Amino acid sequence: MYLKIALISLFTVLLVPVHAASGWFGPESYYDCIEKNLPNAKDRYKLVEVRKMCRNKFPPKTIPKSELNKIEGKAHFGSYNYDDQYFSGNFYNGSGDWEIYSITIKVCNEGGTDCIKYSLSALSPIKPLSTGEASCKVLEEKDDFEWYLIEAKGYPYK
């Protein structure tokens, strides 16, 4: 009797198609996570929390070099008050396939001998073929500098 129950259970588990279990254990991607948790976001602040939770669950991917070349912008040092220094800029996402969440740049003095890497966070996702702002806090401001785009992270846009 127990053997019969065990065999029926085993065949049932083996015969259930794998795709039938899809989504049973939570979201499968960043966008799926957003869609499933969006009804819980009753206001703007909750939406920010939902995005943060989904980014932690599904970290952004590195954007391919072929798409990285489609990002351009203007950036500068500045401060929002007397104590905090920032490096920020407006960036155009020329990729039609990626949504940008962070940009890594290298800032060098004019001679290129003194360089620092900064990771700028987008204030809100920079959607494909649109412009958005990204910034980060810095320790000191440079007077004459050049910056280079090293990496960007985001999600394939659906």
C-alpha atoms as a PDB file:
ATOM      1  CA  MET A   1       0.000   0.000   0.000  1.00  0.00           C
ATOM      2  CA  TYR A   2       2.741   2.448   0.982  1.00  0.00           C
ATOM      3  CA  LEU A   3       4.693   1.507  -2.130  1.00  0.00           C
ATOM      4  CA  LYS A   4       1.672   2.310  -4.290  1.00  0.00           C
ATOM      5  CA  ILE A   5       1.231   5.757  -2.647  1.00  0.00           C
ATOM      6  CA  ALA A   6       4.953   6.456  -2.986  1.00  0.00           C
ATOM      7  CA  LEU A   7       4.939   5.531  -6.699  1.00  0.00           C
ATOM      8  CA  ILE A   8       1.843   7.622  -7.432  1.00  0.00           C
ATOM      9  CA  SER A   9       3.414  10.589  -5.597  1.00  0.00           C
ATOM     10  CA  LEU A  10       6.690  10.164  -7.473  1.00  0.00           C
ATOM     11  CA  PHE A  11       4.997   9.984 -10.896  1.00  0.00           C
ATOM     12  CA  THR A  12       2.821  13.001 -10.078  1.00  0.00           C
ATOM     13  CA  VAL A  13       5.871  15.097  -9.195  1.00  0.00           C
ATOM     14  CA  LEU A  14       7.816  13.942 -12.243  1.00  0.00           C
ATOM     15  CA  LEU A  15       4.938  14.389 -14.670  1.00  0.00           C
ATOM     16  CA  VAL A  16       3.999  17.962 -13.612  1.00  0.00           C
ATOM     17  CA  PRO A  17       5.451  20.234 -16.284  1.00  0.00           C
ATOM     18  CA  VAL A  18       8.232  22.462 -14.983  1.00  0.00           C
ATOM     19  CA  HIS A  19       6.710  25.596 -16.525  1.00  0.00           C
ATOM     20  CA  ALA A  20       3.546  25.042 -14.502  1.00  0.00           C
ATOM     21  CA  ALA A  21       5.515  25.919 -11.359  1.00  0.00           C
ATOM     22  CA  SER A  22       6.650  29.217 -12.841  1.00  0.00           C
ATOM     23  CA  GLY A  23       5.773  32.120 -10.567  1.00  0.00           C
ATOM     24  CA  TRP A  24       4.696  29.875  -7.682  1.00  0.00           C
ATOM     25  CA  PHE A  25       7.628  30.946  -5.559  1.00  0.00           C
ATOM     26  CA  GLY A  26       7.545  34.702  -6.216  1.00  0.00           C
ATOM     27  CA  PRO A  27       8.594  37.011  -9.022  1.00  0.00           C
ATOM     28  CA  GLU A  28      11.023  35.838 -11.705  1.00  0.00           C
ATOM     29  CA  SER A  29      12.502  39.190 -12.767  1.00  0.00           C
ATOM     30  CA  TYR A  30      12.829  42.817 -11.701  1.00  0.00           C
ATOM     31  CA  TYR A  31       9.829  43.930 -13.762  1.00  0.00           C
ATOM     32  CA  ASP A  32       7.769  40.961 -12.580  1.00  0.00           C
ATOM     33  CA  CYS A  33       8.606  41.956  -8.985  1.00  0.00           C
ATOM     34  CA  ILE A  34       7.495  45.548  -9.650  1.00  0.00           C
ATOM     35  CA  GLU A  35       4.218  44.412 -11.241  1.00  0.00           C
ATOM     36  CA  LYS A  36       3.400  41.999  -8.410  1.00  0.00           C
ATOM     37  CA  ASN A  37       4.116  44.561  -5.683  1.00  0.00           C
ATOM     38  CA  LEU A  38       2.718  47.652  -7.404  1.00  0.00           C
ATOM     39  CA  PRO A  39      -0.794  47.245  -5.938  1.00  0.00           C
ATOM     40  CA  ASN A  40       0.802  47.646  -2.475  1.00  0.00           C
ATOM     41  CA  ALA A  41       2.382  50.985  -3.450  1.00  0.00           C
ATOM     42  CA  LYS A  42      -0.399  53.414  -2.542  1.00  0.00           C
ATOM     43  CA  ASP A  43       1.837  56.496  -2.758  1.00  0.00           C
ATOM     44  CA  ARG A  44       5.151  57.678  -4.205  1.00  0.00           C
ATOM     45  CA  TYR A  45       7.184  56.706  -1.149  1.00  0.00           C
ATOM     46  CA  LYS A  46       5.874  53.144  -1.185  1.00  0.00           C
ATOM     47  CA  LEU A  47       6.756  52.917  -4.890  1.00  0.00           C
ATOM     48  CA  VAL A  48      10.352  53.888  -4.059  1.00  0.00           C
ATOM     49  CA  GLU A  49      10.426  51.131  -1.422  1.00  0.00           C
ATOM     50  CA  VAL A  50       9.007  48.586  -3.888  1.00  0.00           C
ATOM     51  CA  ARG A  51      11.695  49.507  -6.443  1.00  0.00           C
ATOM     52  CA  LYS A  52      14.424  49.238  -3.806  1.00  0.00           C
ATOM     53  CA  MET A  53      13.137  45.829  -2.657  1.00  0.00           C
ATOM     54  CA  CYS A  54      13.009  44.551  -6.253  1.00  0.00           C
ATOM     55  CA  ARG A  55      16.508  45.908  -7.019  1.00  0.00           C
ATOM     56  CA  ASN A  56      17.846  44.055  -3.970  1.00  0.00           C
ATOM     57  CA  LYS A  57      16.132  40.857  -5.094  1.00  0.00           C
ATOM     58  CA  PHE A  58      17.187  41.280  -8.755  1.00  0.00           C
ATOM     59  CA  PRO A  59      20.403  43.367  -8.901  1.00  0.00           C
ATOM     60  CA  PRO A  60      20.910  45.473 -12.039  1.00  0.00           C
ATOM     61  CA  LYS A  61      22.959  43.944 -14.842  1.00  0.00           C
ATOM     62  CA  THR A  62      25.984  45.502 -16.519  1.00  0.00           C
ATOM     63  CA  ILE A  63      24.947  47.126 -19.775  1.00  0.00           C
ATOM     64  CA  PRO A  64      26.859  45.727 -22.800  1.00  0.00           C
ATOM     65  CA  LYS A  65      29.648  47.881 -24.282  1.00  0.00           C
ATOM     66  CA  SER A  66      27.697  48.253 -27.546  1.00  0.00           C
ATOM     67  CA  GLU A  67      24.875  49.955 -25.586  1.00  0.00           C
ATOM     68  CA  LEU A  68      27.246  51.860 -23.276  1.00  0.00           C
ATOM     69  CA  ASN A  69      28.497  53.855 -26.267  1.00  0.00           C
ATOM     70  CA  LYS A  70      24.960  55.226 -26.690  1.00  0.00           C
ATOM     71  CA  ILE A  71      25.021  57.028 -23.317  1.00  0.00           C
ATOM     72  CA  GLU A  72      26.182  60.636 -23.304  1.00  0.00           C
ATOM     73  CA  GLY A  73      25.843  63.647 -21.082  1.00  0.00           C
ATOM     74  CA  LYS A  74      27.242  66.666 -19.291  1.00  0.00           C
ATOM     75  CA  ALA A  75      28.464  66.432 -15.720  1.00  0.00           C
ATOM     76  CA  HIS A  76      29.939  68.794 -13.138  1.00  0.00           C
ATOM     77  CA  PHE A  77      30.974  69.231  -9.520  1.00  0.00           C
ATOM     78  CA  GLY A  78      28.716  71.242  -7.252  1.00  0.00           C
ATOM     79  CA  SER A  79      27.178  71.487  -3.815  1.00  0.00           C
ATOM     80  CA  TYR A  80      23.644  71.585  -2.499  1.00  0.00           C
ATOM     81  CA  ASN A  81      24.750  73.218   0.734  1.00  0.00           C
ATOM     82  CA  TYR A  82      28.064  74.378   2.180  1.00  0.00           C
ATOM     83  CA  ASP A  83      29.083  70.989   3.568  1.00  0.00           C
ATOM     84  CA  ASP A  84      28.252  68.436   0.872  1.00  0.00           C
ATOM     85  CA  GLN A  85      30.047  68.198  -2.472  1.00  0.00           C
ATOM     86  CA  TYR A  86      28.444  66.301  -5.354  1.00  0.00           C
ATOM     87  CA  PHE A  87      29.325  65.153  -8.829  1.00  0.00           C
ATOM     88  CA  SER A  88      26.197  65.111 -10.954  1.00  0.00           C
ATOM     89  CA  GLY A  89      25.045  65.277 -14.520  1.00  0.00           C
ATOM     90  CA  ASN A  90      22.276  64.910 -17.033  1.00  0.00           C
ATOM     91  CA  PHE A  91      22.673  61.798 -19.146  1.00  0.00           C
ATOM     92  CA  TYR A  92      20.952  60.809 -22.353  1.00  0.00           C
ATOM     93  CA  ASN A  93      20.235  57.082 -22.624  1.00  0.00           C
ATOM     94  CA  GLY A  94      20.498  56.467 -26.359  1.00  0.00           C
ATOM     95  CA  SER A  95      19.894  52.755 -25.915  1.00  0.00           C
ATOM     96  CA  GLY A  96      16.445  51.609 -26.898  1.00  0.00           C
ATOM     97  CA  ASP A  97      16.926  48.363 -24.973  1.00  0.00           C
ATOM     98  CA  TRP A  98      18.078  49.296 -21.452  1.00  0.00           C
ATOM     99  CA  GLU A  99      16.777  51.253 -18.462  1.00  0.00           C
ATOM    100  CA  ILE A 100      19.681  52.786 -16.489  1.00  0.00           C
ATOM    101  CA  TYR A 101      19.956  52.799 -12.690  1.00  0.00           C
ATOM    102  CA  SER A 102      23.625  53.623 -12.114  1.00  0.00           C
ATOM    103  CA  ILE A 103      26.595  54.987 -14.044  1.00  0.00           C
ATOM    104  CA  THR A 104      30.270  54.507 -13.157  1.00  0.00           C
ATOM    105  CA  ILE A 105      32.640  57.208 -14.372  1.00  0.00           C
ATOM    106  CA  LYS A 106      36.309  58.022 -14.050  1.00  0.00           C
ATOM    107  CA  VAL A 107      37.158  61.663 -13.285  1.00  0.00           C
ATOM    108  CA  CYS A 108      40.731  62.744 -14.075  1.00  0.00           C
ATOM    109  CA  ASN A 109      42.699  65.970 -13.935  1.00  0.00           C
ATOM    110  CA  GLU A 110      43.481  67.453 -17.358  1.00  0.00           C
ATOM    111  CA  GLY A 111      46.774  65.566 -17.611  1.00  0.00           C
ATOM    112  CA  GLY A 112      45.080  62.269 -16.778  1.00  0.00           C
ATOM    113  CA  THR A 113      47.528  61.492 -13.975  1.00  0.00           C
ATOM    114  CA  ASP A 114      45.148  61.775 -11.026  1.00  0.00           C
ATOM    115  CA  CYS A 115      41.908  59.775 -11.484  1.00  0.00           C
ATOM    116  CA  ILE A 116      39.057  58.732  -9.208  1.00  0.00           C
ATOM    117  CA  LYS A 117      36.120  56.404  -9.957  1.00  0.00           C
ATOM    118  CA  TYR A 118      32.618  57.442  -8.945  1.00  0.00           C
ATOM    119  CA  SER A 119      29.405  55.476  -9.038  1.00  0.00           C
ATOM    120  CA  LEU A 120      26.471  57.770  -9.725  1.00  0.00           C
ATOM    121  CA  SER A 121      22.933  56.701  -8.894  1.00  0.00           C
ATOM    122  CA  ALA A 122      20.097  57.776 -11.144  1.00  0.00           C
ATOM    123  CA  LEU A 123      17.570  59.877  -9.237  1.00  0.00           C
ATOM    124  CA  SER A 124      14.890  57.913 -11.063  1.00  0.00           C
ATOM    125  CA  PRO A 125      15.396  55.228 -13.729  1.00  0.00           C
ATOM    126  CA  ILE A 126      16.658  56.671 -17.017  1.00  0.00           C
ATOM    127  CA  LYS A 127      14.321  55.097 -19.542  1.00  0.00           C
ATOM    128  CA  PRO A 128      15.429  54.242 -23.095  1.00  0.00           C
ATOM    129  CA  LEU A 129      15.817  57.215 -25.440  1.00  0.00           C
ATOM    130  CA  SER A 130      15.342  59.753 -22.645  1.00  0.00           C
ATOM    131  CA  THR A 131      17.385  61.998 -20.351  1.00  0.00           C
ATOM    132  CA  GLY A 132      17.783  61.705 -16.594  1.00  0.00           C
ATOM    133  CA  GLU A 133      19.958  62.919 -13.760  1.00  0.00           C
ATOM    134  CA  ALA A 134      22.492  60.905 -11.770  1.00  0.00           C
ATOM    135  CA  SER A 135      24.727  62.027  -8.910  1.00  0.00           C
ATOM    136  CA  CYS A 136      26.966  60.959  -6.052  1.00  0.00           C
ATOM    137  CA  LYS A 137      28.530  62.553  -3.006  1.00  0.00           C
ATOM    138  CA  VAL A 138      32.271  63.301  -3.305  1.00  0.00           C
ATOM    139  CA  LEU A 139      34.981  64.298  -0.829  1.00  0.00           C
ATOM    140  CA  GLU A 140      36.495  67.093  -2.868  1.00  0.00           C
ATOM    141  CA  GLU A 141      35.850  69.089  -5.984  1.00  0.00           C
ATOM    142  CA  LYS A 142      38.318  69.238  -8.905  1.00  0.00           C
ATOM    143  CA  ASP A 143      38.741  72.444 -10.890  1.00  0.00           C
ATOM    144  CA  ASP A 144      39.963  71.270 -14.295  1.00  0.00           C
ATOM    145  CA  PHE A 145      38.860  67.743 -15.072  1.00  0.00           C
ATOM    146  CA  GLU A 146      37.725  65.324 -17.729  1.00  0.00           C
ATOM    147  CA  TRP A 147      35.356  62.431 -17.138  1.00  0.00           C
ATOM    148  CA  TYR A 148      34.937  59.100 -18.888  1.00  0.00           C
ATOM    149  CA  LEU A 149      32.054  56.661 -18.825  1.00  0.00           C
ATOM    150  CA  ILE A 150      33.272  53.259 -17.598  1.00  0.00           C
ATOM    151  CA  GLU A 151      30.132  51.243 -16.885  1.00  0.00           C
ATOM    152  CA  ALA A 152      26.378  51.490 -16.544  1.00  0.00           C
ATOM    153  CA  LYS A 153      23.957  49.124 -14.855  1.00  0.00           C
ATOM    154  CA  GLY A 154      20.278  48.586 -15.394  1.00  0.00           C
ATOM    155  CA  TYR A 155      17.675  46.229 -16.747  1.00  0.00           C
ATOM    156  CA  PRO A 156      16.747  45.149 -20.260  1.00  0.00           C
ATOM    157  CA  TYR A 157      13.684  47.256 -20.999  1.00  0.00           C
ATOM    158  CA  LYS A 158      10.566  45.269 -21.654  1.00  0.00           C
END
